[in-house]
Amino acid sequence: MIVYSLKPPYYAVIFTSTVTNDLDGYEETANKMEELAKEQPGYLGIEYARSEVGITVSYWKDLNSITQWKNNIEHTAARELGRKKWYQKYQLRICKVEREYGFER
């Protein structure tokens, strides 16, 4: 899925990860977090690719919206479960998108 209709400026949270061999419940939790994020104020969209290296980019109206999502109780529980069970390593980057462009045939 690719998000096309955003108007800068906005924020991107880039989450990259490598996972463990124990992925029991991972896909269900990832899907639930995506649905829950959609309900958060300031949420604009999400893009992801999950294979050997997982990359998830979520888009937000402002930094306050990102903080509210980080502090969401269900998201916090999922993050802790990920640290204990699913993730070998992850990195999170928060970026302000000031300009974008693309191409469509």
Protein backbone atom coordinates (compact mmCIF):
# COMPACT_ATOMS: atom_id res chain seq x y z
CA MET A 1 0.00 0.00 0.00
CA ILE A 2 1.32 3.45 -0.87
CA VAL A 3 -0.04 6.73 0.49
CA TYR A 4 -0.30 9.33 -2.29
CA SER A 5 -2.49 12.20 -1.14
CA LEU A 6 -0.48 13.91 1.61
CA LYS A 7 0.31 17.61 1.53
CA PRO A 8 3.55 18.75 3.21
CA PRO A 9 4.52 19.59 5.79
CA TYR A 10 3.80 16.41 7.77
CA TYR A 11 5.81 13.92 9.79
CA ALA A 12 7.00 10.41 8.96
CA VAL A 13 7.86 7.83 11.60
CA ILE A 14 10.19 5.26 10.04
CA PHE A 15 10.43 1.94 11.90
CA THR A 16 12.98 -0.58 10.63
CA SER A 17 13.43 -3.97 12.27
CA THR A 18 14.88 -7.43 12.13
CA VAL A 19 12.86 -10.14 13.82
CA THR A 20 13.49 -13.24 15.88
CA ASN A 21 12.45 -16.75 14.85
CA ASP A 22 9.40 -16.60 17.17
CA LEU A 23 6.75 -14.66 15.24
CA ASP A 24 3.72 -16.27 16.85
CA GLY A 25 1.05 -13.55 17.02
CA TYR A 26 3.20 -10.95 15.25
CA GLU A 27 1.07 -10.49 12.11
CA GLU A 28 -2.16 -10.27 14.12
CA THR A 29 -0.66 -7.66 16.43
CA ALA A 30 0.79 -5.63 13.53
CA ASN A 31 -2.64 -5.58 11.85
CA LYS A 32 -4.34 -4.57 15.11
CA MET A 33 -1.83 -1.73 15.64
CA GLU A 34 -2.47 -0.49 12.10
CA GLU A 35 -6.23 -0.39 12.72
CA LEU A 36 -5.75 1.29 16.10
CA ALA A 37 -3.38 3.91 14.64
CA LYS A 38 -6.03 4.83 12.06
CA GLU A 39 -8.27 5.92 14.96
CA GLN A 40 -5.64 8.26 16.46
CA PRO A 41 -5.95 12.03 15.96
CA GLY A 42 -3.38 13.30 13.46
CA TYR A 43 -2.90 9.93 11.70
CA LEU A 44 -2.44 10.36 7.94
CA GLY A 45 -1.47 6.90 6.60
CA ILE A 46 0.96 3.98 6.61
CA GLU A 47 3.22 2.08 4.21
CA TYR A 48 5.16 -1.10 4.99
CA ALA A 49 7.21 -3.97 3.65
CA ARG A 50 7.84 -6.96 5.88
CA SER A 51 10.31 -9.67 5.01
CA GLU A 52 13.91 -10.20 6.10
CA VAL A 53 14.04 -6.53 7.11
CA GLY A 54 10.80 -4.90 8.13
CA ILE A 55 10.14 -1.29 7.19
CA THR A 56 7.04 0.56 8.32
CA VAL A 57 6.47 4.26 7.65
CA SER A 58 3.53 5.95 9.33
CA TYR A 59 2.51 9.52 8.57
CA TRP A 60 1.30 12.06 11.12
CA LYS A 61 0.03 15.62 11.18
CA ASP A 62 2.39 16.80 13.95
CA LEU A 63 4.79 15.73 16.72
CA ASN A 64 2.06 15.81 19.37
CA SER A 65 0.07 13.21 17.40
CA ILE A 66 3.16 10.97 17.30
CA THR A 67 3.64 11.30 21.06
CA GLN A 68 0.00 10.46 21.71
CA TRP A 69 0.35 7.32 19.54
CA LYS A 70 3.57 6.34 21.35
CA ASN A 71 1.77 6.64 24.70
CA ASN A 72 -1.35 4.72 23.62
CA ILE A 73 -1.83 1.88 26.14
CA GLU A 74 -2.38 -0.88 23.55
CA HIS A 75 0.53 0.36 21.44
CA THR A 76 2.78 0.40 24.53
CA ALA A 77 1.80 -3.20 25.35
CA ALA A 78 2.47 -4.32 21.75
CA ARG A 79 5.84 -2.54 21.78
CA GLU A 80 6.87 -4.30 24.99
CA LEU A 81 5.79 -7.68 23.59
CA GLY A 82 7.84 -6.95 20.47
CA ARG A 83 10.92 -6.22 22.56
CA LYS A 84 10.48 -9.43 24.56
CA LYS A 85 9.51 -11.76 21.73
CA TRP A 86 9.60 -10.59 18.09
CA TYR A 87 12.37 -8.06 17.54
CA GLN A 88 16.05 -8.83 17.35
CA LYS A 89 16.69 -5.15 16.73
CA TYR A 90 14.79 -2.05 15.68
CA GLN A 91 15.41 1.60 14.90
CA LEU A 92 12.88 4.43 14.90
CA ARG A 93 13.34 7.70 13.05
CA ILE A 94 11.02 10.71 13.12
CA CYS A 95 11.32 13.06 10.15
CA LYS A 96 9.57 16.21 9.01
CA VAL A 97 8.57 15.99 5.36
CA GLU A 98 8.78 19.42 3.84
CA ARG A 99 8.55 18.49 0.17
CA GLU A 100 7.56 15.46 -1.86
CA TYR A 101 7.13 14.54 -5.49
CA GLY A 102 6.39 11.45 -7.53
CA PHE A 103 5.51 9.99 -10.89
CA GLU A 104 2.51 8.07 -12.14
CA ARG A 105 2.07 6.51 -15.57
